Amino acid sequence: MTRRFPSRTLTIALLLLSSWMALAAKKPNVVLIYIDDLGYGDLGCYDCKDIPTPNVDRLAAEGVRFTASYITNPPCCPSRCSLIMGQYGQRFGKYGMSRGLPIPEDRPTLARFMADHGYVTGQIGKWDIGTKQQGPLQVGFAEVAQKPPKKNSSKKSSKYFCINEAGETQWLTDYDGDNMVEFIERHKAEPFFLYWSPEAVHSSNQEAPVSLTKRTAAKGKRSKLAGAIVSVDDQVGKLLDVLEERGLRKNTLVIFSSDNGANGGEEGSSAPYRGGKGQGTQQEGWVRVPTIFSMPGLIPKGKDYDGLIANFDFYSTIASVAGLPIPGHCDGVDLIPYLNGRKKGPPHEYLFWLNNEPGDAVRRHLIAVRWKDWRLYKKYDKDPWQLFDLKADPREEQDVAGKNPEVVRELSARHAAWARTLAPLGKIPKVERRTGVRIPEGHGWAFAPVKQGHGRKRKGAGR
């Protein structure tokens, strides 16, 4: 008698494989773009008049522009640590810059979380997270674009001009954009999570060429910053084009944001707010940043959202969009139901700041609370609280603490209660120099070794 089981088993296996492939094909892609020192008032879609940003503006027109998006752990290094961990940095002892402080290994980074759930993970650009041993390849990214050699002159190495594979001089931000396209082309048939954090538009932008600056109406020193922002916008255009060409636009969540506010030394703008990186770090402009979410079909088009959000919400939202449970360590929430109107009220009723790292020579101290239109803050513990109504006074020029003692009492009590839930100040380990750079130097891509139980099998080696 003929046994039919092998054939039947094969048929079932093929059906299961087909179903799995169909399910995998539906997994959304994610591109997270995190600009360095981009001010709230330096994009066309945020009412900037002298810097054209048509591609970022298109992203906003096809998605949601957030008007109260915050960095709770400024500046750059703490901001990125909070982003990748999905929680207040103080949860693991990061109360200021504290560069070199380890990120925790008892909870997954966003990259590790996505890799462990079937995503190919890629990183391009600036890192500035954790210790020297905690590079992107060690914390969940499967592929990392290597640092290309910088252009050298007789005086010094260039910061923003690099030498590409063809031996030609290329603007570094433009080189990053080419890497974004190349990564997506290689992984267009599988779910991917791509994190691009360019060195732009961090100071100094004096190298910005006339080919970029002439495309803006900015004058003087600001024209150099403007040129760097135009280049960032060009790369967003490359991204949107390749997603459209490959039929991936509707299945890709694009998040665009900044690691902290405008750099006043580069004449960046926080308008209509005051302050930013450097001078004015206690003001609103240091921590309120431009943020855009775009995914046609899932996220509404051309909408402003005014509720309080923070960069740690990105992790939770990405997890939910991918159909995955939000890890328990996350302070963030899934923002999609708020954007679609399924949930009412703000995602966060309160947001808190506590930057008081001992020995911080730059004195980037900030103790603050946001609630409704109120902002309560002080620089040091010994200082009196100041209170501002940001709706009536966005530039924070009229302290109304004396007129609203009940608001001061309530918000200061909330801050004290939150502070009691935090970890103690972390210790920065002594790291030997032989550990080297965390992103390899060269052309093309570096790949993480495949470990048991982590990530995915490595595919083609790129360029």
Protein backbone atom coordinates (compact mmCIF):
# COMPACT_ATOMS: atom_id res chain seq x y z
CA MET A 1 0.00 0.00 0.00
CA THR A 2 1.31 3.45 -0.91
CA ARG A 3 2.04 5.68 2.07
CA ARG A 4 0.69 9.19 1.49
CA PHE A 5 2.03 10.84 4.62
CA PRO A 6 5.27 12.24 3.19
CA SER A 7 3.42 13.98 0.37
CA ARG A 8 0.77 15.29 2.72
CA THR A 9 3.40 16.41 5.21
CA LEU A 10 5.25 18.22 2.43
CA THR A 11 2.04 19.95 1.33
CA ILE A 12 1.30 21.10 4.86
CA ALA A 13 4.88 22.29 5.29
CA LEU A 14 4.68 24.28 2.05
CA LEU A 15 1.40 25.85 3.13
CA LEU A 16 2.86 26.80 6.49
CA LEU A 17 5.94 28.23 4.80
CA SER A 18 3.75 30.18 2.38
CA SER A 19 1.69 31.54 5.25
CA TRP A 20 4.81 32.48 7.18
CA MET A 21 6.27 34.25 4.15
CA ALA A 22 3.03 36.15 3.61
CA LEU A 23 3.01 37.20 7.25
CA ALA A 24 6.66 38.25 7.09
CA ALA A 25 5.95 40.28 3.97
CA LYS A 26 3.36 42.27 5.87
CA LYS A 27 5.74 43.23 8.64
CA PRO A 28 6.26 46.98 8.45
CA ASN A 29 9.69 48.48 7.97
CA VAL A 30 11.00 51.27 10.20
CA VAL A 31 13.42 54.10 9.41
CA LEU A 32 14.41 56.23 12.40
CA ILE A 33 16.21 59.49 11.54
CA TYR A 34 17.85 61.36 14.42
CA ILE A 35 19.50 64.66 13.48
CA ASP A 36 22.19 66.26 15.64
CA ASP A 37 21.26 69.71 17.06
CA LEU A 38 18.39 70.48 14.67
CA GLY A 39 16.33 73.34 16.12
CA TYR A 40 12.56 73.50 16.38
CA GLY A 41 12.50 76.55 14.10
CA ASP A 42 14.87 75.36 11.37
CA LEU A 43 12.52 73.44 9.04
CA GLY A 44 10.03 74.78 6.53
CA CYS A 45 7.21 72.74 8.06
CA TYR A 46 7.98 74.40 11.41
CA ASP A 47 7.65 77.88 9.89
CA CYS A 48 11.29 78.47 8.97
CA LYS A 49 11.44 81.03 6.14
CA ASP A 50 15.09 81.04 5.06
CA ILE A 51 15.92 77.31 4.75
CA PRO A 52 14.00 75.29 2.13
CA THR A 53 13.29 71.73 3.26
CA PRO A 54 10.81 70.37 0.68
CA ASN A 55 11.45 66.69 1.42
CA VAL A 56 11.03 66.95 5.19
CA ASP A 57 8.00 69.16 4.51
CA ARG A 58 6.61 66.39 2.30
CA LEU A 59 7.18 63.90 5.10
CA ALA A 60 5.12 66.14 7.40
CA ALA A 61 2.41 66.64 4.77
CA GLU A 62 2.12 62.87 4.47
CA GLY A 63 2.11 62.34 8.22
CA VAL A 64 1.93 64.03 11.62
CA ARG A 65 3.92 67.01 12.85
CA PHE A 66 4.38 67.04 16.62
CA THR A 67 4.38 70.42 18.32
CA ALA A 68 5.28 69.26 21.85
CA SER A 69 7.97 66.62 21.29
CA TYR A 70 10.66 66.54 23.95
CA ILE A 71 14.10 65.23 24.78
CA THR A 72 14.05 64.35 28.47
CA ASN A 73 17.79 63.64 28.68
CA PRO A 74 19.71 66.33 26.81
CA PRO A 75 22.19 66.82 25.24
CA CYS A 76 23.45 64.41 22.56
CA CYS A 77 24.82 61.36 24.39
CA PRO A 78 22.05 61.13 27.06
CA SER A 79 19.39 61.78 24.42
CA ARG A 80 20.61 58.88 22.29
CA CYS A 81 20.84 56.55 25.28
CA SER A 82 17.25 57.33 26.25
CA LEU A 83 16.15 56.81 22.65
CA ILE A 84 17.79 53.41 22.23
CA MET A 85 16.61 52.17 25.65
CA GLY A 86 13.06 53.57 25.47
CA GLN A 87 13.16 55.08 28.94
CA TYR A 88 14.37 57.99 31.04
CA GLY A 89 18.16 57.78 31.19
CA GLN A 90 17.97 58.28 34.96
CA ARG A 91 16.46 54.77 35.17
CA PHE A 92 20.01 53.50 34.64
CA GLY A 93 21.90 56.29 36.37
CA LYS A 94 22.41 58.78 33.53
CA TYR A 95 21.80 62.27 34.91
CA GLY A 96 23.79 64.37 32.48
CA MET A 97 26.35 63.90 29.74
CA SER A 98 28.29 61.13 31.61
CA ARG A 99 29.76 59.96 28.31
CA GLY A 100 31.00 56.38 28.62
CA LEU A 101 28.38 55.29 31.14
CA PRO A 102 27.19 51.79 30.18
CA ILE A 103 23.69 51.30 28.90
CA PRO A 104 22.05 48.41 30.78
CA GLU A 105 22.40 44.87 29.48
CA ASP A 106 19.48 43.44 31.47
CA ARG A 107 16.91 44.93 29.06
CA PRO A 108 16.97 45.01 25.26
CA THR A 109 17.97 48.02 23.23
CA LEU A 110 15.55 48.94 20.47
CA ALA A 111 17.95 47.37 17.98
CA ARG A 112 18.24 44.13 19.93
CA PHE A 113 14.46 43.98 20.37
CA MET A 114 13.85 44.35 16.64
CA ALA A 115 16.61 41.90 15.68
CA ASP A 116 15.24 39.29 18.05
CA HIS A 117 11.85 39.60 16.34
CA GLY A 118 13.01 38.93 12.81
CA TYR A 119 14.17 42.35 11.60
CA VAL A 120 17.43 43.06 9.82
CA THR A 121 18.89 46.01 11.71
CA GLY A 122 21.17 48.67 10.25
CA GLN A 123 22.93 51.75 11.64
CA ILE A 124 24.46 54.69 9.79
CA GLY A 125 26.27 57.69 11.23
CA LYS A 126 26.94 58.96 14.74
CA TRP A 127 26.69 56.58 17.72
CA ASP A 128 27.73 58.19 21.07
CA ILE A 129 25.98 55.56 23.21
CA GLY A 130 27.30 53.49 26.13
CA THR A 131 30.88 52.41 26.72
CA LYS A 132 33.50 51.78 24.07
CA GLN A 133 32.60 48.09 24.22
CA GLN A 134 28.94 48.88 23.51
CA GLY A 135 29.09 49.81 19.86
CA PRO A 136 26.11 49.32 17.55
CA LEU A 137 27.34 45.86 16.49
CA GLN A 138 27.43 44.78 20.14
CA VAL A 139 23.94 45.94 21.15
CA GLY A 140 21.70 44.64 18.40
CA PHE A 141 22.61 46.10 15.02
CA ALA A 142 23.48 43.45 12.46
CA GLU A 143 24.99 45.87 9.95
CA VAL A 144 26.83 49.15 10.46
CA ALA A 145 28.02 51.53 7.77
CA GLN A 146 31.73 52.02 8.34
CA LYS A 147 33.25 55.48 8.79
CA PRO A 148 34.76 56.53 5.46
CA PRO A 149 38.17 58.20 5.47
CA LYS A 150 37.97 61.96 5.82
CA LYS A 151 39.40 64.34 3.27
CA ASN A 152 42.78 65.68 4.36
CA SER A 153 44.19 69.08 3.56
CA SER A 154 47.60 70.52 4.31
CA LYS A 155 46.28 71.92 7.57
CA LYS A 156 43.82 69.43 9.05
CA SER A 157 41.36 66.66 8.37
CA SER A 158 37.94 67.67 7.14
CA LYS A 159 34.92 66.95 9.33
CA TYR A 160 32.20 66.79 6.70
CA PHE A 161 34.02 65.83 3.51
CA CYS A 162 34.95 62.18 3.03
CA ILE A 163 36.57 60.03 0.38
CA ASN A 164 34.11 57.57 -1.13
CA GLU A 165 34.78 54.15 -2.68
CA ALA A 166 35.56 55.72 -6.04
CA GLY A 167 38.25 57.87 -4.46
CA GLU A 168 36.18 61.00 -4.93
CA THR A 169 35.54 63.72 -2.39
CA GLN A 170 31.94 63.66 -1.15
CA TRP A 171 29.93 65.58 1.45
CA LEU A 172 29.55 63.15 4.37
CA THR A 173 25.79 63.62 4.77
CA ASP A 174 25.32 62.84 1.08
CA TYR A 175 27.45 59.71 1.52
CA ASP A 176 25.14 58.66 4.38
CA GLY A 177 22.14 59.09 2.11
CA ASP A 178 23.69 56.79 -0.47
CA ASN A 179 24.21 54.21 2.28
CA MET A 180 20.54 54.46 3.26
CA VAL A 181 19.49 53.73 -0.31
CA GLU A 182 21.98 50.86 -0.61
CA PHE A 183 20.77 49.25 2.65
CA ILE A 184 17.13 49.41 1.57
CA GLU A 185 17.92 48.02 -1.88
CA ARG A 186 19.63 45.02 -0.30
CA HIS A 187 16.83 44.37 2.19
CA LYS A 188 13.74 45.42 0.27
CA ALA A 189 12.32 41.88 0.40
CA GLU A 190 12.54 41.50 4.18
CA PRO A 191 11.52 43.57 7.22
CA PHE A 192 14.18 46.07 8.21
CA PHE A 193 14.87 48.60 10.96
CA LEU A 194 17.27 51.33 9.85
CA TYR A 195 18.67 53.98 12.22
CA TRP A 196 20.33 56.98 10.57
CA SER A 197 21.89 59.57 12.84
CA PRO A 198 24.10 61.88 10.79
CA GLU A 199 26.87 64.02 12.20
CA ALA A 200 24.94 66.90 10.66
CA VAL A 201 24.07 69.50 11.74
CA HIS A 202 26.39 69.49 14.75
CA SER A 203 28.91 72.34 14.87
CA SER A 204 30.92 73.44 13.12
CA ASN A 205 29.34 73.82 9.70
CA GLN A 206 31.95 76.16 8.26
CA GLU A 207 32.83 73.62 5.58
CA ALA A 208 29.36 73.78 4.02
CA PRO A 209 30.01 74.39 0.30
CA VAL A 210 28.46 77.14 -1.78
CA SER A 211 26.56 74.48 -3.72
CA LEU A 212 24.48 73.98 -0.55
CA THR A 213 24.45 77.44 1.02
CA LYS A 214 23.32 79.16 -2.19
CA ARG A 215 20.09 77.16 -2.08
CA THR A 216 19.02 79.02 1.06
CA ALA A 217 18.10 82.59 1.92
CA ALA A 218 20.05 82.49 5.19
CA LYS A 219 22.73 85.11 5.70
CA GLY A 220 26.09 85.26 7.46
CA LYS A 221 27.13 82.40 9.72
CA ARG A 222 23.62 80.97 9.65
CA SER A 223 24.01 80.27 5.94
CA LYS A 224 26.51 77.51 6.75
CA LEU A 225 24.08 75.78 9.12
CA ALA A 226 21.37 76.27 6.51
CA GLY A 227 23.48 74.50 3.89
CA ALA A 228 23.97 71.53 6.21
CA ILE A 229 20.21 71.33 6.81
CA VAL A 230 19.54 71.44 3.05
CA SER A 231 21.83 68.43 2.68
CA VAL A 232 19.89 66.54 5.36
CA ASP A 233 16.72 67.34 3.44
CA ASP A 234 18.26 65.97 0.24
CA GLN A 235 18.86 62.62 1.94
CA VAL A 236 15.26 62.45 3.13
CA GLY A 237 14.35 62.90 -0.52
CA LYS A 238 16.58 59.95 -1.49
CA LEU A 239 14.91 57.86 1.19
CA LEU A 240 11.38 58.67 0.08
CA ASP A 241 12.28 58.05 -3.56
CA VAL A 242 13.70 54.58 -2.97
CA LEU A 243 10.76 53.61 -0.76
CA GLU A 244 8.36 54.73 -3.51
CA GLU A 245 10.33 53.01 -6.28
CA ARG A 246 10.38 49.70 -4.41
CA GLY A 247 6.75 49.83 -3.35
CA LEU A 248 7.68 50.16 0.33
CA ARG A 249 6.38 53.61 1.21
CA LYS A 250 3.02 52.49 2.63
CA ASN A 251 4.66 49.71 4.60
CA THR A 252 7.39 51.84 6.18
CA LEU A 253 7.15 53.96 9.30
CA VAL A 254 9.50 56.94 9.00
CA ILE A 255 10.34 58.86 12.18
CA PHE A 256 12.26 62.12 11.89
CA SER A 257 13.51 63.97 14.98
CA SER A 258 16.48 65.69 16.66
CA ASP A 259 18.70 64.77 19.60
CA ASN A 260 18.31 68.19 21.24
CA GLY A 261 17.56 71.80 20.43
CA ALA A 262 19.22 74.35 18.21
CA ASN A 263 22.86 75.37 18.61
CA GLY A 264 22.87 79.11 19.15
CA GLY A 265 26.56 79.25 18.31
CA GLU A 266 25.65 78.18 14.78
CA GLU A 267 22.70 80.62 14.76
CA GLY A 268 20.19 77.79 14.93
CA SER A 269 16.60 78.72 15.70
CA SER A 270 14.24 77.47 18.42
CA ALA A 271 11.48 79.89 17.34
CA PRO A 272 8.99 80.64 18.72
CA TYR A 273 10.79 79.45 21.87
CA ARG A 274 13.94 80.72 23.53
CA GLY A 275 17.25 79.02 24.23
CA GLY A 276 18.93 75.91 22.90
CA LYS A 277 22.23 74.10 23.09
CA GLY A 278 24.99 76.19 24.66
CA GLN A 279 23.60 79.46 25.91
CA GLY A 280 20.07 79.14 27.20
CA THR A 281 20.14 75.46 28.11
CA GLN A 282 17.58 76.00 30.86
CA GLN A 283 15.00 77.32 28.39
CA GLU A 284 12.41 75.44 26.35
CA GLY A 285 14.45 75.57 23.13
CA TRP A 286 17.00 73.08 24.47
CA VAL A 287 14.53 70.25 24.91
CA ARG A 288 11.61 70.84 22.51
CA VAL A 289 12.49 69.43 19.09
CA PRO A 290 10.90 68.94 15.66
CA THR A 291 9.42 65.47 15.25
CA ILE A 292 7.49 63.92 12.35
CA PHE A 293 5.89 60.48 12.00
CA SER A 294 4.84 59.32 8.54
CA MET A 295 3.34 56.05 7.32
CA PRO A 296 0.57 56.44 4.71
CA GLY A 297 -2.51 54.43 5.58
CA LEU A 298 -1.66 54.09 9.25
CA ILE A 299 -0.88 57.65 10.30
CA PRO A 300 -3.14 60.59 9.34
CA LYS A 301 -1.94 62.99 6.65
CA GLY A 302 -1.08 66.63 7.26
CA LYS A 303 -2.04 66.65 10.93
CA ASP A 304 -0.54 68.52 13.88
CA TYR A 305 -0.46 66.76 17.23
CA ASP A 306 -0.10 68.92 20.34
CA GLY A 307 0.02 66.32 23.14
CA LEU A 308 3.17 65.85 25.22
CA ILE A 309 5.48 63.15 23.84
CA ALA A 310 9.13 62.21 24.41
CA ASN A 311 11.80 60.45 22.39
CA PHE A 312 11.40 57.31 24.54
CA ASP A 313 7.94 56.92 22.96
CA PHE A 314 9.62 55.99 19.68
CA TYR A 315 10.67 52.56 20.99
CA SER A 316 7.17 51.72 22.23
CA THR A 317 5.50 52.96 19.05
CA ILE A 318 7.88 51.03 16.81
CA ALA A 319 7.25 47.86 18.80
CA SER A 320 3.48 48.27 18.50
CA VAL A 321 3.56 49.07 14.79
CA ALA A 322 5.59 45.88 14.32
CA GLY A 323 2.83 43.97 16.12
CA LEU A 324 5.01 43.28 19.15
CA PRO A 325 4.39 43.75 22.88
CA ILE A 326 6.04 46.79 24.44
CA PRO A 327 8.83 45.64 26.77
CA GLY A 328 8.11 46.22 30.45
CA HIS A 329 11.12 48.48 31.00
CA CYS A 330 9.83 51.16 28.59
CA ASP A 331 8.62 54.54 29.87
CA GLY A 332 7.10 55.30 26.48
CA VAL A 333 3.68 54.57 25.03
CA ASP A 334 2.35 53.62 21.61
CA LEU A 335 1.51 56.96 19.99
CA ILE A 336 -0.53 55.60 17.07
CA PRO A 337 -3.91 55.41 18.90
CA TYR A 338 -3.50 59.06 19.93
CA LEU A 339 -2.71 60.13 16.38
CA ASN A 340 -5.69 58.23 15.00
CA GLY A 341 -8.04 59.58 17.65
CA ARG A 342 -8.74 56.21 19.27
CA LYS A 343 -7.28 57.48 22.55
CA LYS A 344 -8.07 60.87 24.02
CA GLY A 345 -5.96 63.05 26.24
CA PRO A 346 -2.19 63.47 26.08
CA PRO A 347 0.15 60.46 25.91
CA HIS A 348 1.90 61.89 28.98
CA GLU A 349 0.25 64.17 31.49
CA TYR A 350 3.67 65.06 32.92
CA LEU A 351 7.24 64.97 31.63
CA PHE A 352 10.28 65.41 33.89
CA TRP A 353 13.92 66.50 33.68
CA LEU A 354 16.78 65.98 36.11
CA ASN A 355 20.16 66.89 34.68
CA ASN A 356 22.43 67.41 37.68
CA GLU A 357 25.61 65.47 36.97
CA PRO A 358 28.27 66.34 39.56
CA GLY A 359 31.38 67.88 38.10
CA ASP A 360 29.72 68.86 34.80
CA ALA A 361 32.01 71.71 33.83
CA VAL A 362 29.58 72.92 31.18
CA ARG A 363 26.89 73.30 33.85
CA ARG A 364 24.16 71.75 31.71
CA HIS A 365 21.96 71.41 34.75
CA LEU A 366 18.19 71.35 34.44
CA ILE A 367 15.40 70.40 36.85
CA ALA A 368 11.98 70.75 35.25
CA VAL A 369 8.39 69.57 34.83
CA ARG A 370 5.94 70.02 31.94
CA TRP A 371 2.17 69.84 32.51
CA LYS A 372 -0.54 71.32 30.23
CA ASP A 373 0.75 74.80 29.29
CA TRP A 374 2.95 75.08 32.39
CA ARG A 375 6.70 74.71 32.61
CA LEU A 376 8.30 74.67 36.07
CA TYR A 377 12.07 74.73 36.24
CA LYS A 378 15.25 75.66 38.07
CA LYS A 379 18.93 75.17 37.31
CA TYR A 380 20.26 73.90 40.64
CA ASP A 381 18.59 72.29 43.65
CA LYS A 382 19.30 75.39 45.73
CA ASP A 383 17.53 77.70 43.26
CA PRO A 384 13.91 78.82 43.64
CA TRP A 385 11.39 77.36 41.20
CA GLN A 386 10.37 79.47 38.22
CA LEU A 387 7.04 78.96 36.47
CA PHE A 388 6.04 79.92 32.93
CA ASP A 389 2.86 79.73 30.91
CA LEU A 390 4.20 78.62 27.53
CA LYS A 391 0.98 79.41 25.70
CA ALA A 392 0.93 83.04 26.80
CA ASP A 393 4.70 83.41 27.10
CA PRO A 394 6.59 80.96 24.81
CA ARG A 395 9.86 82.86 25.33
CA GLU A 396 9.64 82.40 29.11
CA GLU A 397 10.12 86.05 29.94
CA GLN A 398 7.57 86.38 32.75
CA ASP A 399 8.06 84.19 35.83
CA VAL A 400 4.58 83.67 37.33
CA ALA A 401 5.54 81.36 40.20
CA GLY A 402 4.51 83.97 42.77
CA LYS A 403 1.05 84.26 41.25
CA ASN A 404 0.47 80.50 41.08
CA PRO A 405 1.82 78.93 44.30
CA GLU A 406 -0.59 75.99 44.07
CA VAL A 407 0.77 75.02 40.64
CA VAL A 408 4.34 75.24 41.95
CA ARG A 409 3.49 73.04 44.95
CA GLU A 410 1.72 70.44 42.83
CA LEU A 411 4.38 70.18 40.11
CA SER A 412 7.33 70.23 42.50
CA ALA A 413 5.71 67.43 44.50
CA ARG A 414 5.20 65.44 41.30
CA HIS A 415 8.86 65.91 40.40
CA ALA A 416 10.02 64.78 43.85
CA ALA A 417 7.84 61.65 43.65
CA TRP A 418 9.20 60.80 40.20
CA ALA A 419 12.81 61.36 41.34
CA ARG A 420 12.34 58.79 44.11
CA THR A 421 11.75 56.08 41.48
CA LEU A 422 15.12 56.58 39.78
CA ALA A 423 18.42 54.73 39.95
CA PRO A 424 21.44 56.25 41.70
CA LEU A 425 24.05 58.11 39.70
CA GLY A 426 25.96 55.64 37.53
CA LYS A 427 29.72 55.20 37.52
CA ILE A 428 31.72 55.52 34.33
CA PRO A 429 34.16 52.58 34.03
CA LYS A 430 37.80 52.98 33.11
CA VAL A 431 38.10 51.67 29.57
CA GLU A 432 41.44 50.71 28.02
CA ARG A 433 42.40 52.47 24.82
CA ARG A 434 43.00 49.18 23.04
CA THR A 435 39.25 48.64 22.81
CA GLY A 436 39.34 51.00 19.83
CA VAL A 437 36.54 52.73 17.96
CA ARG A 438 32.99 51.47 18.19
CA ILE A 439 32.20 51.95 14.50
CA PRO A 440 34.84 50.43 12.18
CA GLU A 441 36.59 52.66 9.68
CA GLY A 442 36.61 51.99 5.98
CA HIS A 443 34.14 51.63 3.12
CA GLY A 444 31.09 49.43 2.95
CA TRP A 445 29.48 47.66 5.90
CA ALA A 446 30.63 45.87 9.02
CA PHE A 447 28.59 42.92 10.26
CA ALA A 448 27.89 41.65 13.75
CA PRO A 449 28.84 38.04 14.48
CA VAL A 450 25.79 35.81 14.74
CA LYS A 451 25.23 34.75 18.34
CA GLN A 452 23.07 31.97 19.66
CA GLY A 453 19.57 33.29 20.26
CA HIS A 454 20.26 36.77 18.91
CA GLY A 455 19.52 38.40 15.60
CA ARG A 456 19.45 36.78 12.20
CA LYS A 457 21.73 35.09 9.73
CA ARG A 458 23.94 37.47 7.83
CA LYS A 459 23.16 38.05 4.19
CA GLY A 460 25.18 39.58 1.35
CA ALA A 461 28.08 41.83 2.19
CA GLY A 462 26.83 44.90 0.39
CA ARG A 463 29.16 46.94 -1.74
